[in-house]
N, C-alpha and C. Protein backbone atom coordinates (compact mmCIF):
# COMPACT_ATOMS: atom_id res chain seq x y z
N MET A 1 11.75 28.03 14.24
CA MET A 1 12.26 27.05 16.31
C MET A 1 11.15 27.09 16.72
N GLY A 2 10.71 27.01 16.63
CA GLY A 2 9.24 26.78 17.22
C GLY A 2 8.62 27.98 17.51
N ALA A 3 9.13 29.06 17.00
CA ALA A 3 8.26 30.22 16.65
C ALA A 3 7.04 30.11 15.91
N GLY A 4 6.00 30.78 16.33
CA GLY A 4 4.94 31.22 15.31
C GLY A 4 3.73 30.05 15.62
N PRO A 5 2.44 30.27 14.50
CA PRO A 5 1.80 29.66 14.62
C PRO A 5 1.99 28.42 13.86
N LYS A 6 0.89 27.09 14.43
CA LYS A 6 1.19 25.98 13.72
C LYS A 6 0.66 26.19 12.35
N GLN A 7 1.25 25.46 11.65
CA GLN A 7 0.60 25.48 9.77
C GLN A 7 -0.31 24.69 9.55
N ARG A 8 -1.07 25.30 9.18
CA ARG A 8 -2.51 24.71 9.46
C ARG A 8 -2.94 23.49 7.58
N LEU A 9 -3.93 23.19 7.38
CA LEU A 9 -4.23 22.49 6.16
C LEU A 9 -5.37 22.83 5.80
N VAL A 10 -5.82 23.56 4.38
CA VAL A 10 -6.54 24.11 3.97
C VAL A 10 -6.92 22.61 3.65
N PHE A 11 -8.96 22.62 3.42
CA PHE A 11 -9.87 21.87 3.08
C PHE A 11 -9.54 21.08 2.13
N VAL A 12 -9.10 21.31 0.87
CA VAL A 12 -8.61 20.78 -0.06
C VAL A 12 -6.98 19.29 0.19
N ASP A 13 -6.25 20.27 1.06
CA ASP A 13 -5.20 19.19 1.82
C ASP A 13 -5.60 18.41 3.08
N ARG A 14 -6.63 18.21 3.32
CA ARG A 14 -7.67 17.83 4.42
C ARG A 14 -7.99 16.57 3.42
N LEU A 15 -8.66 16.66 2.40
CA LEU A 15 -9.21 16.05 1.96
C LEU A 15 -8.54 14.96 1.30
N LEU A 16 -7.31 15.36 0.73
CA LEU A 16 -6.18 14.44 -0.09
C LEU A 16 -5.37 13.52 1.22
N VAL A 17 -4.96 14.54 2.57
CA VAL A 17 -4.41 13.84 3.66
C VAL A 17 -4.95 12.41 4.28
N THR A 18 -6.54 12.32 3.93
CA THR A 18 -7.26 11.56 4.33
C THR A 18 -7.71 10.24 3.49
N LEU A 19 -8.06 10.71 2.01
CA LEU A 19 -8.10 9.61 0.73
C LEU A 19 -6.64 9.28 0.99
N VAL A 20 -5.58 9.54 1.18
CA VAL A 20 -4.24 9.40 0.82
C VAL A 20 -4.05 8.01 2.37
N HIS A 21 -4.11 8.62 2.94
CA HIS A 21 -4.32 7.67 4.37
C HIS A 21 -5.18 6.68 3.91
N LEU A 22 -7.00 6.74 3.69
CA LEU A 22 -7.43 5.75 3.70
C LEU A 22 -6.97 4.98 2.74
N ARG A 23 -6.62 5.11 1.52
CA ARG A 23 -6.07 4.40 0.29
C ARG A 23 -5.02 4.07 0.57
N LEU A 24 -3.78 4.42 0.68
CA LEU A 24 -2.66 3.34 0.96
C LEU A 24 -2.46 2.99 2.50
N GLY A 25 -3.02 3.51 3.43
CA GLY A 25 -2.47 3.22 4.91
C GLY A 25 -1.52 4.18 5.69
N LEU A 26 -1.23 5.19 5.03
CA LEU A 26 0.41 5.66 5.57
C LEU A 26 -0.28 6.37 6.96
N PRO A 27 0.64 6.18 7.87
CA PRO A 27 0.15 6.37 9.07
C PRO A 27 0.07 8.11 9.06
N HIS A 28 -0.51 8.28 10.07
CA HIS A 28 -0.12 9.84 10.63
C HIS A 28 0.32 11.02 10.12
N ALA A 29 1.71 10.00 11.41
CA ALA A 29 3.06 10.89 11.46
C ALA A 29 3.81 10.81 10.27
N ALA A 30 3.74 9.94 9.31
CA ALA A 30 4.46 9.75 7.68
C ALA A 30 3.89 11.15 6.96
N LEU A 31 2.55 11.40 6.82
CA LEU A 31 1.54 12.55 6.31
C LEU A 31 1.65 13.72 7.00
N ALA A 32 2.50 13.35 8.33
CA ALA A 32 2.71 15.06 8.60
C ALA A 32 3.91 15.73 8.16
N GLN A 33 4.79 14.45 8.11
CA GLN A 33 6.45 14.77 7.56
C GLN A 33 6.19 15.09 6.25
N LEU A 34 5.45 14.28 5.37
CA LEU A 34 5.46 15.07 4.35
C LEU A 34 4.32 16.42 3.88
N TYR A 35 3.87 16.71 4.51
CA TYR A 35 2.92 17.73 4.77
C TYR A 35 3.35 19.47 5.90
N GLY A 36 4.63 19.02 6.34
CA GLY A 36 5.09 20.06 7.30
C GLY A 36 4.38 20.37 8.65
N VAL A 37 3.25 19.29 9.02
CA VAL A 37 2.85 19.96 9.83
C VAL A 37 2.57 18.83 11.40
N ASP A 38 1.87 18.80 12.22
CA ASP A 38 1.93 18.32 13.29
C ASP A 38 1.41 16.52 13.11
N ARG A 39 1.32 15.54 13.34
CA ARG A 39 0.86 14.82 13.62
C ARG A 39 -1.32 14.59 13.96
N SER A 40 -0.98 15.83 14.99
CA SER A 40 -2.48 16.13 15.55
C SER A 40 -3.18 16.57 14.07
N THR A 41 -2.42 17.61 13.57
CA THR A 41 -3.01 18.02 12.70
C THR A 41 -3.64 17.15 11.53
N VAL A 42 -2.81 16.13 11.02
CA VAL A 42 -3.40 14.70 10.35
C VAL A 42 -4.20 14.34 10.99
N SER A 43 -4.13 13.85 12.35
CA SER A 43 -5.32 13.03 12.41
C SER A 43 -6.74 13.90 12.61
N ALA A 44 -6.71 15.10 13.34
CA ALA A 44 -8.03 16.30 13.24
C ALA A 44 -8.52 16.03 11.43
N ALA A 45 -7.43 16.20 10.97
CA ALA A 45 -8.19 16.35 9.23
C ALA A 45 -8.66 14.89 9.03
N VAL A 46 -7.99 13.90 9.62
CA VAL A 46 -9.35 12.45 9.56
C VAL A 46 -10.39 12.45 10.11
N ARG A 47 -10.23 12.66 10.78
CA ARG A 47 -11.27 13.04 11.86
C ARG A 47 -12.82 13.08 11.42
N GLU A 48 -12.10 14.87 10.31
CA GLU A 48 -13.30 15.56 10.35
C GLU A 48 -13.88 15.27 8.88
N VAL A 49 -13.02 14.58 8.11
CA VAL A 49 -13.58 14.45 6.46
C VAL A 49 -13.93 13.05 6.65
N ARG A 50 -13.32 11.77 7.14
CA ARG A 50 -14.06 10.40 6.95
C ARG A 50 -15.76 10.82 7.13
N PRO A 51 -16.45 11.18 8.62
CA PRO A 51 -17.66 11.74 8.09
C PRO A 51 -18.76 12.05 7.18
N LEU A 52 -17.83 13.13 6.41
CA LEU A 52 -17.64 13.66 5.13
C LEU A 52 -18.06 12.79 3.82
N LEU A 53 -17.17 12.24 3.84
CA LEU A 53 -17.11 11.38 2.67
C LEU A 53 -18.10 10.07 3.45
N ALA A 54 -18.35 9.81 4.06
CA ALA A 54 -19.51 8.80 4.54
C ALA A 54 -21.20 9.30 4.37
N ALA A 55 -21.09 10.53 4.74
CA ALA A 55 -22.38 10.91 4.05
C ALA A 55 -22.98 11.33 3.15
N ARG A 56 -21.48 10.99 2.09
CA ARG A 56 -21.84 11.37 0.64
C ARG A 56 -22.26 10.12 0.03
N GLY A 57 -21.93 9.15 0.63
CA GLY A 57 -22.00 7.81 -0.51
C GLY A 57 -20.53 6.23 0.17
N PHE A 58 -19.38 7.42 0.39
CA PHE A 58 -18.14 6.31 0.24
C PHE A 58 -18.47 5.70 1.53
N ALA A 59 -18.13 4.14 1.30
CA ALA A 59 -17.93 3.28 2.35
C ALA A 59 -16.54 3.64 3.05
N VAL A 60 -16.59 3.90 4.43
CA VAL A 60 -15.44 4.38 5.37
C VAL A 60 -15.07 2.99 5.95
N ARG A 61 -14.55 2.15 6.34
CA ARG A 61 -14.14 1.29 7.10
C ARG A 61 -13.05 1.91 7.44
N GLY A 62 -13.25 0.88 9.44
CA GLY A 62 -12.47 1.18 10.14
C GLY A 62 -12.44 2.53 10.70
N THR A 63 -13.98 3.09 11.19
CA THR A 63 -14.04 4.39 11.72
C THR A 63 -13.69 4.23 13.04
N ALA A 64 -13.98 3.42 13.76
CA ALA A 64 -13.44 3.22 15.28
C ALA A 64 -12.10 3.05 15.32
N GLY A 65 -10.85 2.91 14.48
CA GLY A 65 -9.60 2.54 15.15
C GLY A 65 -8.65 4.08 15.55
N GLY A 66 -7.71 3.81 15.82
CA GLY A 66 -7.11 5.10 16.38
C GLY A 66 -6.38 5.29 14.96
N PRO A 67 -6.18 7.10 15.79
CA PRO A 67 -4.78 7.34 14.48
C PRO A 67 -4.22 6.29 13.20
N ASP A 68 -3.84 5.98 13.56
CA ASP A 68 -3.01 4.99 12.51
C ASP A 68 -3.11 3.47 12.12
N ASP A 69 -4.51 3.62 12.03
CA ASP A 69 -5.30 2.61 11.83
C ASP A 69 -5.21 1.87 10.14
N ASP A 70 -4.90 0.93 9.70
CA ASP A 70 -5.19 0.38 8.16
C ASP A 70 -6.59 0.68 7.54
N ALA A 71 -7.46 1.39 7.74
CA ALA A 71 -8.19 1.67 6.58
C ALA A 71 -8.26 1.93 5.33
N GLY A 72 -9.07 1.58 4.74
CA GLY A 72 -10.02 1.87 3.66
C GLY A 72 -10.74 2.23 2.58
N LEU A 73 -11.04 2.75 1.61
CA LEU A 73 -12.31 2.94 1.02
C LEU A 73 -12.67 1.86 0.47
N ASP A 74 -13.76 1.36 0.26
CA ASP A 74 -13.96 0.22 -0.17
C ASP A 74 -15.55 0.89 -1.38
N ALA A 75 -15.59 1.08 -2.56
CA ALA A 75 -17.04 1.54 -2.35
C ALA A 75 -17.65 0.37 -3.43
N ALA A 76 -17.10 -0.93 -3.41
CA ALA A 76 -17.63 -1.76 -3.92
C ALA A 76 -19.46 -2.29 -3.79
N ASP A 77 -19.96 -1.71 -2.97
CA ASP A 77 -20.95 -1.70 -2.27
C ASP A 77 -21.92 -0.95 -2.33
N VAL A 78 -21.37 0.21 -2.69
CA VAL A 78 -22.22 1.41 -2.54
C VAL A 78 -22.53 2.32 -4.33
N PRO A 79 -24.38 1.89 -3.73
CA PRO A 79 -24.91 2.43 -5.49
C PRO A 79 -24.44 4.33 -6.02
N LEU A 80 -24.39 3.49 -7.17
CA LEU A 80 -24.07 5.55 -8.13
C LEU A 80 -25.46 5.57 -7.63
N ARG A 81 -25.61 6.93 -7.76
CA ARG A 81 -26.56 8.19 -7.77
C ARG A 81 -26.97 8.19 -9.96
N ALA A 82 -28.27 8.10 -10.04
CA ALA A 82 -28.44 8.09 -11.14
C ALA A 82 -27.71 9.39 -11.93
N GLY A 83 -26.57 9.80 -12.95
CA GLY A 83 -26.31 10.65 -13.76
C GLY A 83 -24.86 10.89 -12.69
N ALA A 84 -24.16 9.90 -11.77
CA ALA A 84 -23.19 9.94 -11.57
C ALA A 84 -22.01 10.32 -12.23
N LEU A 85 -22.42 9.03 -13.16
CA LEU A 85 -20.84 9.39 -14.43
C LEU A 85 -21.73 9.57 -15.62
N PRO A 86 -20.43 10.60 -16.54
CA PRO A 86 -21.04 10.59 -17.53
C PRO A 86 -21.55 9.43 -18.87
N ASP A 87 -21.88 10.34 -19.49
CA ASP A 87 -22.95 9.04 -20.77
C ASP A 87 -21.80 7.98 -21.52
């Protein structure tokens, strides 16, 4: 009943929450319900992970949007690095 520390997401969960939000467009509030955390925890995770994805060559649209924007991942124009795929 409100006592104790807020539950935090480990990095893998922050990454997963971000990918699900970007791919499926689920609102931060819905993801927060699924993970049992506050909406602000999901929003912070998405803000943290989006630049990491972009820095590694994933095109992330809608980075200027609000916490419940409808951004998605679009890798159609992202060049693959040599050796990125198995032979």
